C-alpha atoms as a PDB file:
ATOM      1  CA  MET A   1      72.092 137.763  90.291  1.00  0.00           C
ATOM      2  CA  GLY A   2      72.701 137.802  86.542  1.00  0.00           C
ATOM      3  CA  GLY A   3      75.255 134.992  86.956  1.00  0.00           C
ATOM      4  CA  ARG A   4      72.694 132.680  88.516  1.00  0.00           C
ATOM      5  CA  LYS A   5      70.207 133.194  85.704  1.00  0.00           C
ATOM      6  CA  ARG A   6      72.927 132.444  83.186  1.00  0.00           C
ATOM      7  CA  GLU A   7      73.874 129.253  85.079  1.00  0.00           C
ATOM      8  CA  ARG A   8      70.251 128.123  85.198  1.00  0.00           C
ATOM      9  CA  LYS A   9      69.791 128.836  81.508  1.00  0.00           C
ATOM     10  CA  ALA A  10      72.967 126.897  80.641  1.00  0.00           C
ATOM     11  CA  ALA A  11      71.838 123.962  82.766  1.00  0.00           C
ATOM     12  CA  THR A  12      68.415 123.996  81.101  1.00  0.00           C
ATOM     13  CA  GLU A  13      70.009 124.065  77.653  1.00  0.00           C
ATOM     14  CA  GLU A  14      72.268 121.133  78.602  1.00  0.00           C
ATOM     15  CA  ASP A  15      69.269 119.122  79.818  1.00  0.00           C
ATOM     16  CA  THR A  16      67.401 119.878  76.595  1.00  0.00           C
ATOM     17  CA  SER A  17      70.362 118.993  74.394  1.00  0.00           C
ATOM     18  CA  LEU A  18      70.885 115.725  76.273  1.00  0.00           C
ATOM     19  CA  SER A  19      67.277 114.678  75.885  1.00  0.00           C
ATOM     20  CA  GLU A  20      67.274 115.679  72.213  1.00  0.00           C
ATOM     21  CA  SER A  21      70.510 113.802  71.494  1.00  0.00           C
ATOM     22  CA  ASP A  22      68.997 110.655  72.946  1.00  0.00           C
ATOM     23  CA  GLY A  23      66.337 110.838  70.249  1.00  0.00           C
ATOM     24  CA  PRO A  24      62.866 109.384  70.467  1.00  0.00           C
ATOM     25  CA  ARG A  25      62.897 105.980  72.054  1.00  0.00           C
ATOM     26  CA  GLN A  26      60.513 103.357  70.859  1.00  0.00           C
ATOM     27  CA  PRO A  27      60.054 100.613  73.460  1.00  0.00           C
ATOM     28  CA  ASP A  28      60.706  97.206  71.939  1.00  0.00           C
ATOM     29  CA  GLY A  29      58.187  95.559  74.188  1.00  0.00           C
ATOM     30  CA  ASP A  30      56.430  95.396  77.496  1.00  0.00           C
ATOM     31  CA  GLU A  31      59.391  93.539  78.973  1.00  0.00           C
ATOM     32  CA  GLU A  32      61.767  96.447  78.386  1.00  0.00           C
ATOM     33  CA  GLU A  33      59.245  98.922  79.774  1.00  0.00           C
ATOM     34  CA  SER A  34      58.737  96.740  82.827  1.00  0.00           C
ATOM     35  CA  ALA A  35      62.489  96.381  83.352  1.00  0.00           C
ATOM     36  CA  ALA A  36      62.981 100.134  82.990  1.00  0.00           C
ATOM     37  CA  LEU A  37      60.175 100.838  85.464  1.00  0.00           C
ATOM     38  CA  SER A  38      61.624  98.322  87.888  1.00  0.00           C
ATOM     39  CA  ILE A  39      65.079  99.882  87.642  1.00  0.00           C
ATOM     40  CA  ASN A  40      63.649 103.379  88.090  1.00  0.00           C
ATOM     41  CA  GLU A  41      61.635 102.296  91.129  1.00  0.00           C
ATOM     42  CA  GLU A  42      64.689 100.636  92.689  1.00  0.00           C
ATOM     43  CA  MET A  43      66.827 103.712  92.059  1.00  0.00           C
ATOM     44  CA  GLN A  44      64.132 105.941  93.580  1.00  0.00           C
ATOM     45  CA  ARG A  45      63.889 103.663  96.625  1.00  0.00           C
ATOM     46  CA  MET A  46      67.669 103.746  97.127  1.00  0.00           C
ATOM     47  CA  LEU A  47      67.732 107.524  96.683  1.00  0.00           C
ATOM     48  CA  ASN A  48      65.008 107.913  99.325  1.00  0.00           C
ATOM     49  CA  GLN A  49      66.990 105.702 101.701  1.00  0.00           C
ATOM     50  CA  LEU A  50      70.085 107.829 101.141  1.00  0.00           C
ATOM     51  CA  ARG A  51      68.091 110.988 101.875  1.00  0.00           C
ATOM     52  CA  GLU A  52      66.662 109.542 105.092  1.00  0.00           C
ATOM     53  CA  TYR A  53      69.954 108.239 106.480  1.00  0.00           C
ATOM     54  CA  ASP A  54      71.993 110.615 108.632  1.00  0.00           C
ATOM     55  CA  PHE A  55      75.424 110.400 106.995  1.00  0.00           C
ATOM     56  CA  GLU A  56      78.652 111.337 108.682  1.00  0.00           C
ATOM     57  CA  ASP A  57      81.168 113.455 106.790  1.00  0.00           C
ATOM     58  CA  ASP A  58      83.610 110.544 106.674  1.00  0.00           C
ATOM     59  CA  CYS A  59      84.261 110.168 102.946  1.00  0.00           C
ATOM     60  CA  ASP A  60      86.570 107.205 103.565  1.00  0.00           C
ATOM     61  CA  SER A  61      83.563 105.160 104.637  1.00  0.00           C
ATOM     62  CA  LEU A  62      82.022 105.306 101.164  1.00  0.00           C
ATOM     63  CA  THR A  63      82.827 102.480  98.781  1.00  0.00           C
ATOM     64  CA  TRP A  64      81.656 101.713  95.286  1.00  0.00           C
ATOM     65  CA  GLU A  65      80.518  98.293  94.186  1.00  0.00           C
ATOM     66  CA  GLU A  66      80.031  97.601  90.511  1.00  0.00           C
ATOM     67  CA  THR A  67      77.599  94.927  89.429  1.00  0.00           C
ATOM     68  CA  GLU A  68      76.790  93.750  85.924  1.00  0.00           C
ATOM     69  CA  GLU A  69      73.876  96.139  85.450  1.00  0.00           C
ATOM     70  CA  THR A  70      74.352  98.995  87.871  1.00  0.00           C
ATOM     71  CA  LEU A  71      76.752 100.889  90.091  1.00  0.00           C
ATOM     72  CA  LEU A  72      75.677 100.957  93.727  1.00  0.00           C
ATOM     73  CA  LEU A  73      76.859 103.219  96.524  1.00  0.00           C
ATOM     74  CA  TRP A  74      77.246 101.451  99.868  1.00  0.00           C
ATOM     75  CA  GLU A  75      77.896 103.108 103.210  1.00  0.00           C
ATOM     76  CA  ASP A  76      80.257 101.256 105.521  1.00  0.00           C
ATOM     77  CA  PHE A  77      77.988 101.152 108.562  1.00  0.00           C
ATOM     78  CA  SER A  78      80.151 100.575 111.618  1.00  0.00           C
ATOM     79  CA  GLY A  79      78.544  97.849 113.677  1.00  0.00           C
ATOM     80  CA  TYR A  80      75.967  97.136 110.989  1.00  0.00           C
ATOM     81  CA  ALA A  81      78.400  95.048 108.963  1.00  0.00           C
ATOM     82  CA  MET A  82      79.364  93.052 112.054  1.00  0.00           C
ATOM     83  CA  ALA A  83      75.731  92.483 113.060  1.00  0.00           C
ATOM     84  CA  ALA A  84      74.882  91.431 109.514  1.00  0.00           C
ATOM     85  CA  ALA A  85      77.848  89.046 109.437  1.00  0.00           C
ATOM     86  CA  GLU A  86      76.775  87.514 112.750  1.00  0.00           C
ATOM     87  CA  ALA A  87      73.198  87.103 111.533  1.00  0.00           C
ATOM     88  CA  GLN A  88      74.434  85.578 108.295  1.00  0.00           C
ATOM     89  CA  GLY A  89      76.674  83.208 110.261  1.00  0.00           C
ATOM     90  CA  GLU A  90      73.689  82.110 112.349  1.00  0.00           C
ATOM     91  CA  GLN A  91      71.578  81.643 109.221  1.00  0.00           C
ATOM     92  CA  GLN A  92      74.324  79.573 107.606  1.00  0.00           C
ATOM     93  CA  GLU A  93      74.612  77.498 110.766  1.00  0.00           C
ATOM     94  CA  ASP A  94      70.838  76.929 110.850  1.00  0.00           C
ATOM     95  CA  SER A  95      70.873  76.128 107.152  1.00  0.00           C
ATOM     96  CA  LEU A  96      73.727  73.652 107.618  1.00  0.00           C
ATOM     97  CA  GLU A  97      71.890  71.948 110.483  1.00  0.00           C
ATOM     98  CA  LYS A  98      68.782  71.657 108.312  1.00  0.00           C
ATOM     99  CA  VAL A  99      70.787  70.121 105.453  1.00  0.00           C
ATOM    100  CA  ILE A 100      72.362  67.611 107.843  1.00  0.00           C
ATOM    101  CA  LYS A 101      68.981  66.651 109.309  1.00  0.00           C
ATOM    102  CA  ASP A 102      67.417  66.346 105.854  1.00  0.00           C
ATOM    103  CA  THR A 103      70.309  64.181 104.671  1.00  0.00           C
ATOM    104  CA  GLU A 104      70.087  61.933 107.736  1.00  0.00           C
ATOM    105  CA  SER A 105      66.342  61.597 107.221  1.00  0.00           C
ATOM    106  CA  LEU A 106      66.859  60.720 103.563  1.00  0.00           C
ATOM    107  CA  PHE A 107      69.438  58.059 104.456  1.00  0.00           C
ATOM    108  CA  LYS A 108      67.115  56.555 107.072  1.00  0.00           C
ATOM    109  CA  THR A 109      64.219  56.492 104.603  1.00  0.00           C
ATOM    110  CA  ARG A 110      66.378  54.905 101.896  1.00  0.00           C
ATOM    111  CA  GLU A 111      67.764  52.366 104.351  1.00  0.00           C
ATOM    112  CA  LYS A 112      64.234  51.443 105.439  1.00  0.00           C
ATOM    113  CA  GLU A 113      63.105  51.075 101.799  1.00  0.00           C
ATOM    114  CA  TYR A 114      66.185  48.991 101.028  1.00  0.00           C
ATOM    115  CA  GLN A 115      65.532  46.712 103.985  1.00  0.00           C
ATOM    116  CA  GLU A 116      61.861  46.288 102.984  1.00  0.00           C
ATOM    117  CA  THR A 117      62.949  45.362  99.455  1.00  0.00           C
ATOM    118  CA  ILE A 118      65.463  42.822 100.798  1.00  0.00           C
ATOM    119  CA  ASP A 119      62.772  41.334 103.079  1.00  0.00           C
ATOM    120  CA  GLN A 120      60.374  40.988 100.111  1.00  0.00           C
ATOM    121  CA  ILE A 121      63.054  39.258  98.046  1.00  0.00           C
ATOM    122  CA  GLU A 122      63.813  36.832 100.902  1.00  0.00           C
ATOM    123  CA  VAL A 123      60.108  36.015 101.305  1.00  0.00           C
ATOM    124  CA  ARG A 124      59.829  35.178  97.585  1.00  0.00           C
ATOM    125  CA  VAL A 125      62.894  32.934  97.620  1.00  0.00           C
END
């Protein structure tokens, strides 16, 4: 039992020394405070998701992805990745169809405007 108290005390001292070594932080502005709050909220949300998910003991399924600002832990969900890829493929297909339709519509509109301009020029001549 004495060992546990000693471990707790050492951990508490480490926490205190870490916070003291950081020194007092003066926020440079509301923007930094807002960004820090946003990051903290996002980290808390991800932590809650990790707690709620029923993980398997398959350590090989864990991968790390490093972004510019943070290091994220992603679980390789079997089936989830495939379903997400299929949904993304469908979204890309729908998006491509929309772009094609918009482009065709634009060409038709421009062609109509061009023809109207030509007709006006012919009437004047």
